[in-house]
Amino acid sequence: MIERPIRRRDLRRAHRHGSSTGSRQSLVWWPLAVGLVLVAVAAWWYADSTAFRRRAVTTAAVIDEVGRAAPRAGENGLSTRRFYGIVSYTVGNRVTRAQVLLYTCASTSCVFRGTPGDTIEIAYDPRQSSRAVMATEVHRAWLPSGRQAGLTFLGVVLILAAGFNLLFVCRPVCMPSA
C-alpha cells in the first residue's frame, strides 16, 4: 500500500470540521454550562425578589399618571392588558416617583378605573426607594414568577440533557474505559 504525504489542505479540513470526540464533548459541556447559568440566574432572581418582599415597607402613594402597555396575545385567544402608573410617595423627607404595575386584565374589554390623584397602597424597598410594587404583590413572597420558573425549568432540562449525553452519547468515545 502506498502512503501519500499529509497535505496542509487535509490538516485544515480536519481542524475545521473537528473530530468526532470534540463534537461529542460539546454535546455535554455546552448544555451543562448553559443550564447551570440559567439555574443560577433564576436562583439569584428569586432570592432578590424574596429579599425585596421581606424588606418592603408599605405606604400610601398618589397616582400621577396612568398608562397602558400594548396588549399581549394570550394562549386562550384573549389579549392581556397591563396598566402602569407613575406614582409619588414620601420616603423620609423627600418625594420619590416610581413606575408601578397597577392592574392586569385578560379579557376582551377591561378598563382600569384609577385616575391621576387617586391614593393607592404600595410597597417599596428602603435600600432602593424607587423600586416599588403594589402592596398586594408583597404577599406572594414564596411563589416564584412565571419567568423565574421558566428559567429554572429550561436550566434543569439542559442539565438533564447534558447528563443523558454524558451517559449515552459521549461516554463510549469521550471516556474510554481502562
N, C-alpha and C. Protein backbone atom coordinates (compact mmCIF):
# COMPACT_ATOMS: atom_id res chain seq x y z
N MET A 1 0.84 -1.16 0.00
CA MET A 1 0.00 0.00 0.00
C MET A 1 0.90 1.24 0.00
N ILE A 2 0.58 2.15 -0.87
CA ILE A 2 1.37 3.37 -1.00
C ILE A 2 0.75 4.44 -0.12
N GLU A 3 1.56 5.01 0.75
CA GLU A 3 1.08 6.09 1.62
C GLU A 3 1.42 7.41 0.98
N ARG A 4 0.47 8.27 0.99
CA ARG A 4 0.73 9.60 0.45
C ARG A 4 1.02 10.55 1.60
N PRO A 5 1.76 11.60 1.35
CA PRO A 5 2.09 12.54 2.42
C PRO A 5 0.87 13.34 2.85
N ILE A 6 0.89 13.79 4.10
CA ILE A 6 -0.21 14.60 4.62
C ILE A 6 -0.05 16.02 4.08
N ARG A 7 -1.11 16.50 3.49
CA ARG A 7 -1.07 17.85 2.92
C ARG A 7 -1.71 18.84 3.88
N ARG A 8 -1.31 20.10 3.74
CA ARG A 8 -1.89 21.15 4.59
C ARG A 8 -3.39 21.23 4.41
N ARG A 9 -3.84 21.05 3.22
CA ARG A 9 -5.28 21.10 2.94
C ARG A 9 -6.02 20.08 3.80
N ASP A 10 -5.46 18.88 3.93
CA ASP A 10 -6.10 17.84 4.75
C ASP A 10 -6.09 18.23 6.23
N LEU A 11 -5.00 18.83 6.70
CA LEU A 11 -4.94 19.26 8.10
C LEU A 11 -5.95 20.36 8.38
N ARG A 12 -6.08 21.33 7.46
CA ARG A 12 -7.05 22.41 7.66
C ARG A 12 -8.47 21.86 7.67
N ARG A 13 -8.75 20.93 6.78
CA ARG A 13 -10.09 20.35 6.71
C ARG A 13 -10.41 19.59 8.00
N ALA A 14 -9.44 18.83 8.51
CA ALA A 14 -9.66 18.09 9.75
C ALA A 14 -9.85 19.05 10.92
N HIS A 15 -9.09 20.13 10.95
CA HIS A 15 -9.23 21.10 12.03
C HIS A 15 -10.57 21.83 11.94
N ARG A 16 -10.98 22.20 10.72
CA ARG A 16 -12.22 22.95 10.53
C ARG A 16 -13.43 22.10 10.89
N HIS A 17 -13.44 20.87 10.50
CA HIS A 17 -14.59 20.01 10.76
C HIS A 17 -14.55 19.38 12.14
N GLY A 18 -13.40 19.35 12.75
CA GLY A 18 -13.30 18.82 14.10
C GLY A 18 -13.35 17.31 14.13
N SER A 19 -12.95 16.77 15.22
CA SER A 19 -13.01 15.33 15.37
C SER A 19 -14.34 14.94 15.99
N SER A 20 -14.70 13.69 15.88
CA SER A 20 -15.97 13.24 16.45
C SER A 20 -15.95 13.33 17.97
N THR A 21 -14.79 13.15 18.59
CA THR A 21 -14.70 13.24 20.03
C THR A 21 -14.98 14.66 20.50
N GLY A 22 -14.41 15.65 19.84
CA GLY A 22 -14.63 17.05 20.22
C GLY A 22 -16.08 17.47 20.07
N SER A 23 -16.71 17.04 18.98
CA SER A 23 -18.10 17.43 18.79
C SER A 23 -19.01 16.72 19.78
N ARG A 24 -18.66 15.51 20.15
CA ARG A 24 -19.47 14.81 21.15
C ARG A 24 -19.29 15.41 22.54
N GLN A 25 -18.08 15.86 22.83
CA GLN A 25 -17.87 16.50 24.12
C GLN A 25 -18.65 17.80 24.20
N SER A 26 -18.79 18.52 23.09
CA SER A 26 -19.56 19.76 23.12
C SER A 26 -21.03 19.48 23.38
N LEU A 27 -21.50 18.28 23.01
CA LEU A 27 -22.89 17.91 23.33
C LEU A 27 -23.12 17.85 24.83
N VAL A 28 -22.07 17.65 25.59
CA VAL A 28 -22.18 17.56 27.05
C VAL A 28 -21.95 18.91 27.70
N TRP A 29 -20.86 19.58 27.35
CA TRP A 29 -20.44 20.74 28.11
C TRP A 29 -21.25 21.99 27.82
N TRP A 30 -21.67 22.23 26.60
CA TRP A 30 -22.47 23.43 26.33
C TRP A 30 -23.83 23.39 27.01
N PRO A 31 -24.61 22.33 26.87
CA PRO A 31 -25.89 22.32 27.60
C PRO A 31 -25.71 22.37 29.11
N LEU A 32 -24.66 21.72 29.61
CA LEU A 32 -24.42 21.75 31.06
C LEU A 32 -24.09 23.17 31.52
N ALA A 33 -23.21 23.86 30.80
CA ALA A 33 -22.84 25.22 31.18
C ALA A 33 -24.02 26.18 31.09
N VAL A 34 -24.77 26.12 30.00
CA VAL A 34 -25.93 27.00 29.83
C VAL A 34 -26.99 26.68 30.88
N GLY A 35 -27.22 25.40 31.14
CA GLY A 35 -28.20 25.01 32.15
C GLY A 35 -27.83 25.50 33.53
N LEU A 36 -26.56 25.38 33.89
CA LEU A 36 -26.12 25.86 35.20
C LEU A 36 -26.24 27.38 35.31
N VAL A 37 -25.93 28.09 34.24
CA VAL A 37 -26.07 29.55 34.25
C VAL A 37 -27.54 29.94 34.40
N LEU A 38 -28.43 29.28 33.67
CA LEU A 38 -29.86 29.60 33.77
C LEU A 38 -30.40 29.33 35.17
N VAL A 39 -30.02 28.22 35.76
CA VAL A 39 -30.48 27.91 37.12
C VAL A 39 -29.91 28.92 38.11
N ALA A 40 -28.65 29.32 37.93
CA ALA A 40 -28.05 30.30 38.83
C ALA A 40 -28.74 31.66 38.71
N VAL A 41 -29.05 32.09 37.49
CA VAL A 41 -29.75 33.37 37.28
C VAL A 41 -31.14 33.31 37.90
N ALA A 42 -31.86 32.21 37.70
CA ALA A 42 -33.20 32.08 38.28
C ALA A 42 -33.13 32.09 39.81
N ALA A 43 -32.14 31.41 40.39
CA ALA A 43 -32.00 31.39 41.85
C ALA A 43 -31.68 32.78 42.38
N TRP A 44 -30.78 33.51 41.70
CA TRP A 44 -30.45 34.87 42.12
C TRP A 44 -31.67 35.77 42.03
N TRP A 45 -32.42 35.64 40.94
CA TRP A 45 -33.61 36.46 40.72
C TRP A 45 -34.65 36.18 41.82
N TYR A 46 -34.86 34.90 42.13
CA TYR A 46 -35.82 34.53 43.17
C TYR A 46 -35.36 35.05 44.54
N ALA A 47 -34.06 34.90 44.84
CA ALA A 47 -33.55 35.39 46.13
C ALA A 47 -33.69 36.91 46.22
N ASP A 48 -33.45 37.61 45.13
CA ASP A 48 -33.58 39.06 45.12
C ASP A 48 -35.02 39.49 45.34
N SER A 49 -35.96 38.84 44.66
CA SER A 49 -37.37 39.22 44.83
C SER A 49 -37.89 38.84 46.21
N THR A 50 -37.41 37.73 46.77
CA THR A 50 -37.82 37.34 48.12
C THR A 50 -37.26 38.31 49.16
N ALA A 51 -36.00 38.72 48.97
CA ALA A 51 -35.40 39.69 49.89
C ALA A 51 -36.12 41.03 49.80
N PHE A 52 -36.51 41.43 48.58
CA PHE A 52 -37.28 42.67 48.42
C PHE A 52 -38.59 42.59 49.19
N ARG A 53 -39.27 41.48 49.08
CA ARG A 53 -40.56 41.34 49.76
C ARG A 53 -40.39 41.30 51.28
N ARG A 54 -39.26 40.79 51.76
CA ARG A 54 -39.01 40.78 53.19
C ARG A 54 -38.72 42.19 53.72
N ARG A 55 -38.00 42.98 52.95
CA ARG A 55 -37.62 44.33 53.38
C ARG A 55 -38.68 45.37 53.08
N ALA A 56 -39.67 45.05 52.28
CA ALA A 56 -40.61 46.04 51.76
C ALA A 56 -41.34 46.79 52.87
N VAL A 57 -41.48 48.09 52.63
CA VAL A 57 -42.22 48.97 53.53
C VAL A 57 -43.47 49.43 52.80
N THR A 58 -44.62 49.31 53.44
CA THR A 58 -45.88 49.69 52.83
C THR A 58 -46.20 51.15 53.16
N THR A 59 -46.66 51.87 52.14
CA THR A 59 -47.02 53.27 52.33
C THR A 59 -48.09 53.67 51.31
N ALA A 60 -48.65 54.82 51.51
CA ALA A 60 -49.65 55.35 50.57
C ALA A 60 -48.93 56.13 49.48
N ALA A 61 -49.43 56.02 48.27
CA ALA A 61 -48.86 56.74 47.13
C ALA A 61 -49.98 57.36 46.33
N VAL A 62 -49.66 58.42 45.63
CA VAL A 62 -50.63 59.11 44.78
C VAL A 62 -50.28 58.82 43.33
N ILE A 63 -51.29 58.45 42.56
CA ILE A 63 -51.08 58.19 41.13
C ILE A 63 -50.92 59.52 40.42
N ASP A 64 -49.79 59.69 39.72
CA ASP A 64 -49.55 60.90 38.94
C ASP A 64 -50.00 60.74 37.49
N GLU A 65 -49.67 59.59 36.91
CA GLU A 65 -50.03 59.31 35.52
C GLU A 65 -50.47 57.86 35.40
N VAL A 66 -51.34 57.58 34.45
CA VAL A 66 -51.77 56.22 34.16
C VAL A 66 -51.50 55.97 32.68
N GLY A 67 -50.84 54.85 32.39
CA GLY A 67 -50.56 54.49 31.01
C GLY A 67 -50.89 53.03 30.77
N ARG A 68 -51.16 52.71 29.53
CA ARG A 68 -51.49 51.33 29.18
C ARG A 68 -50.44 50.80 28.22
N ALA A 69 -49.89 49.64 28.52
CA ALA A 69 -48.93 49.00 27.64
C ALA A 69 -49.67 48.34 26.48
N ALA A 70 -48.95 48.03 25.42
CA ALA A 70 -49.55 47.36 24.27
C ALA A 70 -50.09 46.01 24.70
N PRO A 71 -51.27 45.61 24.18
CA PRO A 71 -51.83 44.31 24.58
C PRO A 71 -50.96 43.16 24.09
N ARG A 72 -50.93 42.11 24.89
CA ARG A 72 -50.22 40.88 24.53
C ARG A 72 -51.23 39.79 24.25
N ALA A 73 -50.97 38.99 23.22
CA ALA A 73 -51.86 37.88 22.90
C ALA A 73 -51.62 36.74 23.89
N GLY A 74 -52.69 36.17 24.41
CA GLY A 74 -52.59 35.07 25.35
C GLY A 74 -52.85 33.74 24.68
N GLU A 75 -52.68 32.65 25.43
CA GLU A 75 -52.90 31.31 24.87
C GLU A 75 -54.37 31.04 24.58
N ASN A 76 -55.25 31.68 25.34
CA ASN A 76 -56.68 31.42 25.18
C ASN A 76 -57.33 32.32 24.13
N GLY A 77 -56.53 33.07 23.38
CA GLY A 77 -57.07 33.94 22.35
C GLY A 77 -57.41 35.33 22.85
N LEU A 78 -57.42 35.52 24.16
CA LEU A 78 -57.70 36.83 24.72
C LEU A 78 -56.40 37.61 24.87
N SER A 79 -56.50 38.89 24.78
CA SER A 79 -55.30 39.70 24.95
C SER A 79 -55.18 40.14 26.41
N THR A 80 -53.96 40.21 26.88
CA THR A 80 -53.68 40.66 28.24
C THR A 80 -53.27 42.12 28.18
N ARG A 81 -53.93 42.92 28.97
CA ARG A 81 -53.60 44.34 29.02
C ARG A 81 -53.04 44.67 30.39
N ARG A 82 -52.02 45.50 30.39
CA ARG A 82 -51.40 45.93 31.65
C ARG A 82 -51.47 47.44 31.73
N PHE A 83 -51.86 47.90 32.89
CA PHE A 83 -51.93 49.33 33.16
C PHE A 83 -50.84 49.70 34.14
N TYR A 84 -49.97 50.60 33.74
CA TYR A 84 -48.88 51.08 34.57
C TYR A 84 -49.18 52.49 35.03
N GLY A 85 -48.61 52.86 36.15
CA GLY A 85 -48.78 54.21 36.64
C GLY A 85 -47.50 54.76 37.22
N ILE A 86 -47.32 56.04 37.08
CA ILE A 86 -46.25 56.74 37.77
C ILE A 86 -46.86 57.23 39.08
N VAL A 87 -46.28 56.79 40.18
CA VAL A 87 -46.81 57.15 41.50
C VAL A 87 -45.75 57.94 42.25
N SER A 88 -46.20 58.78 43.16
CA SER A 88 -45.27 59.51 44.01
C SER A 88 -45.61 59.23 45.47
N TYR A 89 -44.57 59.10 46.28
CA TYR A 89 -44.74 58.79 47.69
C TYR A 89 -43.56 59.39 48.45
N THR A 90 -43.72 59.51 49.74
CA THR A 90 -42.70 60.14 50.56
C THR A 90 -41.86 59.09 51.27
N VAL A 91 -40.53 59.20 51.12
CA VAL A 91 -39.58 58.34 51.81
C VAL A 91 -38.68 59.28 52.61
N GLY A 92 -38.79 59.20 53.91
CA GLY A 92 -38.04 60.13 54.74
C GLY A 92 -38.64 61.53 54.57
N ASN A 93 -37.83 62.44 54.08
CA ASN A 93 -38.30 63.81 53.86
C ASN A 93 -38.38 64.18 52.38
N ARG A 94 -38.22 63.20 51.51
CA ARG A 94 -38.24 63.54 50.09
C ARG A 94 -39.29 62.73 49.34
N VAL A 95 -39.78 63.31 48.27
CA VAL A 95 -40.80 62.68 47.44
C VAL A 95 -40.10 61.83 46.39
N THR A 96 -40.53 60.59 46.25
CA THR A 96 -39.96 59.66 45.29
C THR A 96 -41.02 59.26 44.29
N ARG A 97 -40.60 59.09 43.05
CA ARG A 97 -41.52 58.64 41.99
C ARG A 97 -41.06 57.28 41.47
N ALA A 98 -42.02 56.44 41.13
CA ALA A 98 -41.70 55.12 40.59
C ALA A 98 -42.81 54.69 39.65
N GLN A 99 -42.46 53.79 38.73
CA GLN A 99 -43.45 53.19 37.84
C GLN A 99 -43.92 51.88 38.48
N VAL A 100 -45.23 51.71 38.56
CA VAL A 100 -45.82 50.56 39.24
C VAL A 100 -46.87 49.93 38.32
N LEU A 101 -46.90 48.59 38.28
CA LEU A 101 -47.97 47.89 37.58
C LEU A 101 -49.22 48.01 38.43
N LEU A 102 -50.24 48.70 37.90
CA LEU A 102 -51.45 48.95 38.68
C LEU A 102 -52.50 47.86 38.51
N TYR A 103 -52.63 47.34 37.28
CA TYR A 103 -53.76 46.45 37.00
C TYR A 103 -53.43 45.60 35.79
N THR A 104 -53.80 44.34 35.84
CA THR A 104 -53.66 43.43 34.71
C THR A 104 -55.02 42.82 34.41
N CYS A 105 -55.35 42.75 33.15
CA CYS A 105 -56.66 42.25 32.75
C CYS A 105 -56.50 41.34 31.54
N ALA A 106 -57.19 40.21 31.54
CA ALA A 106 -57.16 39.29 30.40
C ALA A 106 -58.59 39.03 29.94
N SER A 107 -59.16 39.96 29.24
CA SER A 107 -60.49 39.78 28.69
C SER A 107 -60.62 40.67 27.46
N THR A 108 -61.76 40.56 26.81
CA THR A 108 -61.96 41.36 25.60
C THR A 108 -62.16 42.83 25.92
N SER A 109 -62.74 43.12 27.07
CA SER A 109 -62.92 44.52 27.44
C SER A 109 -62.54 44.70 28.91
N CYS A 110 -61.54 45.51 29.14
CA CYS A 110 -61.15 45.77 30.52
C CYS A 110 -60.79 47.25 30.64
N VAL A 111 -61.19 47.81 31.73
CA VAL A 111 -60.96 49.22 31.97
C VAL A 111 -60.43 49.37 33.39
N PHE A 112 -59.34 50.08 33.51
CA PHE A 112 -58.81 50.40 34.82
C PHE A 112 -59.47 51.70 35.27
N ARG A 113 -60.07 51.69 36.43
CA ARG A 113 -60.86 52.82 36.88
C ARG A 113 -60.06 53.84 37.71
N GLY A 114 -58.78 53.57 37.91
CA GLY A 114 -57.95 54.51 38.65
C GLY A 114 -57.64 55.74 37.82
N THR A 115 -57.59 56.87 38.46
CA THR A 115 -57.29 58.11 37.77
C THR A 115 -56.16 58.84 38.49
N PRO A 116 -55.48 59.73 37.81
CA PRO A 116 -54.46 60.52 38.49
C PRO A 116 -55.06 61.27 39.68
N GLY A 117 -54.36 61.24 40.78
CA GLY A 117 -54.85 61.85 42.01
C GLY A 117 -55.36 60.84 43.02
N ASP A 118 -55.67 59.62 42.57
CA ASP A 118 -56.12 58.56 43.49
C ASP A 118 -54.97 58.11 44.38
N THR A 119 -55.32 57.65 45.57
CA THR A 119 -54.33 57.13 46.51
C THR A 119 -54.39 55.62 46.53
N ILE A 120 -53.23 54.97 46.44
CA ILE A 120 -53.14 53.51 46.47
C ILE A 120 -52.08 53.11 47.49
N GLU A 121 -52.08 51.83 47.87
CA GLU A 121 -51.07 51.29 48.77
C GLU A 121 -49.98 50.62 47.94
N ILE A 122 -48.74 51.01 48.19
CA ILE A 122 -47.61 50.39 47.51
C ILE A 122 -46.62 49.89 48.55
N ALA A 123 -45.69 49.06 48.10
CA ALA A 123 -44.59 48.59 48.95
C ALA A 123 -43.30 48.97 48.22
N TYR A 124 -42.37 49.59 48.94
CA TYR A 124 -41.10 49.98 48.32
C TYR A 124 -39.94 49.40 49.12
N ASP A 125 -38.81 49.36 48.47
CA ASP A 125 -37.59 48.84 49.09
C ASP A 125 -36.86 50.00 49.75
N PRO A 126 -36.61 49.95 51.07
CA PRO A 126 -35.90 51.05 51.72
C PRO A 126 -34.47 51.24 51.21
N ARG A 127 -33.85 50.19 50.70
CA ARG A 127 -32.49 50.30 50.17
C ARG A 127 -32.46 50.97 48.80
N GLN A 128 -33.53 50.80 48.04
CA GLN A 128 -33.64 51.39 46.70
C GLN A 128 -35.06 51.93 46.61
N SER A 129 -35.25 53.15 47.05
CA SER A 129 -36.60 53.67 47.24
C SER A 129 -37.40 53.83 45.95
N SER A 130 -36.76 53.84 44.79
CA SER A 130 -37.51 53.95 43.54
C SER A 130 -38.02 52.60 43.05
N ARG A 131 -37.73 51.52 43.75
CA ARG A 131 -38.23 50.19 43.40
C ARG A 131 -39.50 49.94 44.21
N ALA A 132 -40.64 49.90 43.51
CA ALA A 132 -41.92 49.76 44.21
C ALA A 132 -42.85 48.85 43.43
N VAL A 133 -43.77 48.22 44.17
CA VAL A 133 -44.83 47.39 43.59
C VAL A 133 -46.12 47.66 44.36
N MET A 134 -47.22 47.19 43.83
CA MET A 134 -48.48 47.29 44.57
C MET A 134 -48.35 46.48 45.85
N ALA A 135 -48.97 46.94 46.91
CA ALA A 135 -48.85 46.27 48.21
C ALA A 135 -49.40 44.85 48.17
N THR A 136 -50.35 44.57 47.29
CA THR A 136 -50.92 43.22 47.21
C THR A 136 -49.91 42.21 46.66
N GLU A 137 -48.89 42.67 45.93
CA GLU A 137 -47.89 41.76 45.36
C GLU A 137 -46.90 41.24 46.40
N VAL A 138 -46.78 41.92 47.52
CA VAL A 138 -45.80 41.55 48.54
C VAL A 138 -46.17 40.23 49.22
N HIS A 139 -47.43 39.88 49.24
CA HIS A 139 -47.89 38.70 49.96
C HIS A 139 -47.57 37.40 49.22
N ARG A 140 -47.06 37.47 47.99
CA ARG A 140 -46.72 36.27 47.24
C ARG A 140 -45.22 35.98 47.32
N ALA A 141 -44.64 36.14 48.50
CA ALA A 141 -43.18 36.05 48.65
C ALA A 141 -42.63 34.66 48.31
N TRP A 142 -43.33 33.61 48.62
CA TRP A 142 -42.80 32.27 48.41
C TRP A 142 -43.00 31.79 46.99
N LEU A 143 -43.84 32.42 46.22
CA LEU A 143 -44.19 31.94 44.89
C LEU A 143 -43.31 32.59 43.83
N PRO A 144 -42.52 31.79 43.08
CA PRO A 144 -41.70 32.38 42.02
C PRO A 144 -42.57 32.86 40.86
N SER A 145 -42.07 33.84 40.14
CA SER A 145 -42.81 34.34 38.99
C SER A 145 -42.74 33.32 37.85
N GLY A 146 -43.55 33.52 36.85
CA GLY A 146 -43.55 32.61 35.70
C GLY A 146 -42.22 32.59 34.97
N ARG A 147 -41.58 33.74 34.88
CA ARG A 147 -40.27 33.80 34.21
C ARG A 147 -39.21 33.08 35.02
N GLN A 148 -39.25 33.21 36.34
CA GLN A 148 -38.28 32.51 37.19
C GLN A 148 -38.47 31.00 37.06
N ALA A 149 -39.71 30.56 37.10
CA ALA A 149 -39.99 29.13 36.96
C ALA A 149 -39.59 28.63 35.58
N GLY A 150 -39.83 29.44 34.55
CA GLY A 150 -39.45 29.06 33.18
C GLY A 150 -37.95 28.94 33.03
N LEU A 151 -37.19 29.87 33.58
CA LEU A 151 -35.72 29.78 33.53
C LEU A 151 -35.22 28.55 34.26
N THR A 152 -35.79 28.29 35.43
CA THR A 152 -35.38 27.12 36.20
C THR A 152 -35.69 25.84 35.44
N PHE A 153 -36.88 25.77 34.86
CA PHE A 153 -37.27 24.57 34.10
C PHE A 153 -36.34 24.35 32.91
N LEU A 154 -36.07 25.41 32.15
CA LEU A 154 -35.19 25.29 30.99
C LEU A 154 -33.78 24.89 31.41
N GLY A 155 -33.28 25.46 32.52
CA GLY A 155 -31.96 25.10 33.01
C GLY A 155 -31.89 23.64 33.43
N VAL A 156 -32.91 23.17 34.13
CA VAL A 156 -32.94 21.77 34.56
C VAL A 156 -33.02 20.83 33.35
N VAL A 157 -33.80 21.19 32.35
CA VAL A 157 -33.89 20.36 31.14
C VAL A 157 -32.53 20.28 30.45
N LEU A 158 -31.82 21.40 30.35
CA LEU A 158 -30.49 21.39 29.73
C LEU A 158 -29.49 20.57 30.55
N ILE A 159 -29.57 20.67 31.87
CA ILE A 159 -28.67 19.87 32.71
C ILE A 159 -28.98 18.38 32.54
N LEU A 160 -30.25 18.02 32.50
CA LEU A 160 -30.62 16.62 32.28
C LEU A 160 -30.18 16.14 30.90
N ALA A 161 -30.31 17.01 29.87
CA ALA A 161 -29.85 16.64 28.53
C ALA A 161 -28.34 16.43 28.53
N ALA A 162 -27.60 17.25 29.25
CA ALA A 162 -26.15 17.07 29.33
C ALA A 162 -25.82 15.75 30.03
N GLY A 163 -26.55 15.42 31.09
CA GLY A 163 -26.33 14.14 31.77
C GLY A 163 -26.64 12.96 30.88
N PHE A 164 -27.73 13.06 30.12
CA PHE A 164 -28.08 11.99 29.17
C PHE A 164 -26.99 11.84 28.12
N ASN A 165 -26.54 12.97 27.58
CA ASN A 165 -25.47 12.91 26.57
C ASN A 165 -24.18 12.35 27.15
N LEU A 166 -23.87 12.70 28.38
CA LEU A 166 -22.66 12.19 29.02
C LEU A 166 -22.73 10.68 29.19
N LEU A 167 -23.90 10.18 29.60
CA LEU A 167 -24.02 8.74 29.85
C LEU A 167 -24.15 7.91 28.59
N PHE A 168 -24.92 8.40 27.60
CA PHE A 168 -25.26 7.54 26.47
C PHE A 168 -24.62 7.93 25.15
N VAL A 169 -24.27 9.17 24.95
CA VAL A 169 -23.72 9.59 23.67
C VAL A 169 -22.21 9.71 23.73
N CYS A 170 -21.74 10.43 24.71
CA CYS A 170 -20.30 10.74 24.77
C CYS A 170 -19.50 9.68 25.49
N ARG A 171 -20.10 8.94 26.38
CA ARG A 171 -19.36 8.02 27.24
C ARG A 171 -18.50 7.02 26.47
N PRO A 172 -19.02 6.38 25.44
CA PRO A 172 -18.16 5.40 24.74
C PRO A 172 -16.95 6.04 24.06
N VAL A 173 -17.07 7.30 23.66
CA VAL A 173 -15.97 7.94 22.92
C VAL A 173 -15.15 8.85 23.83
N CYS A 174 -15.83 9.67 24.65
CA CYS A 174 -15.15 10.67 25.47
C CYS A 174 -14.44 10.07 26.67
N MET A 175 -15.00 9.05 27.24
CA MET A 175 -14.41 8.45 28.44
C MET A 175 -14.19 6.96 28.20
N PRO A 176 -13.16 6.61 27.46
CA PRO A 176 -12.94 5.18 27.22
C PRO A 176 -12.60 4.46 28.52
N SER A 177 -13.13 3.28 28.66
CA SER A 177 -12.87 2.52 29.89
C SER A 177 -11.44 1.97 29.84
N ALA A 178 -10.84 1.90 31.01
CA ALA A 178 -9.44 1.47 31.09
C ALA A 178 -9.33 -0.03 30.97
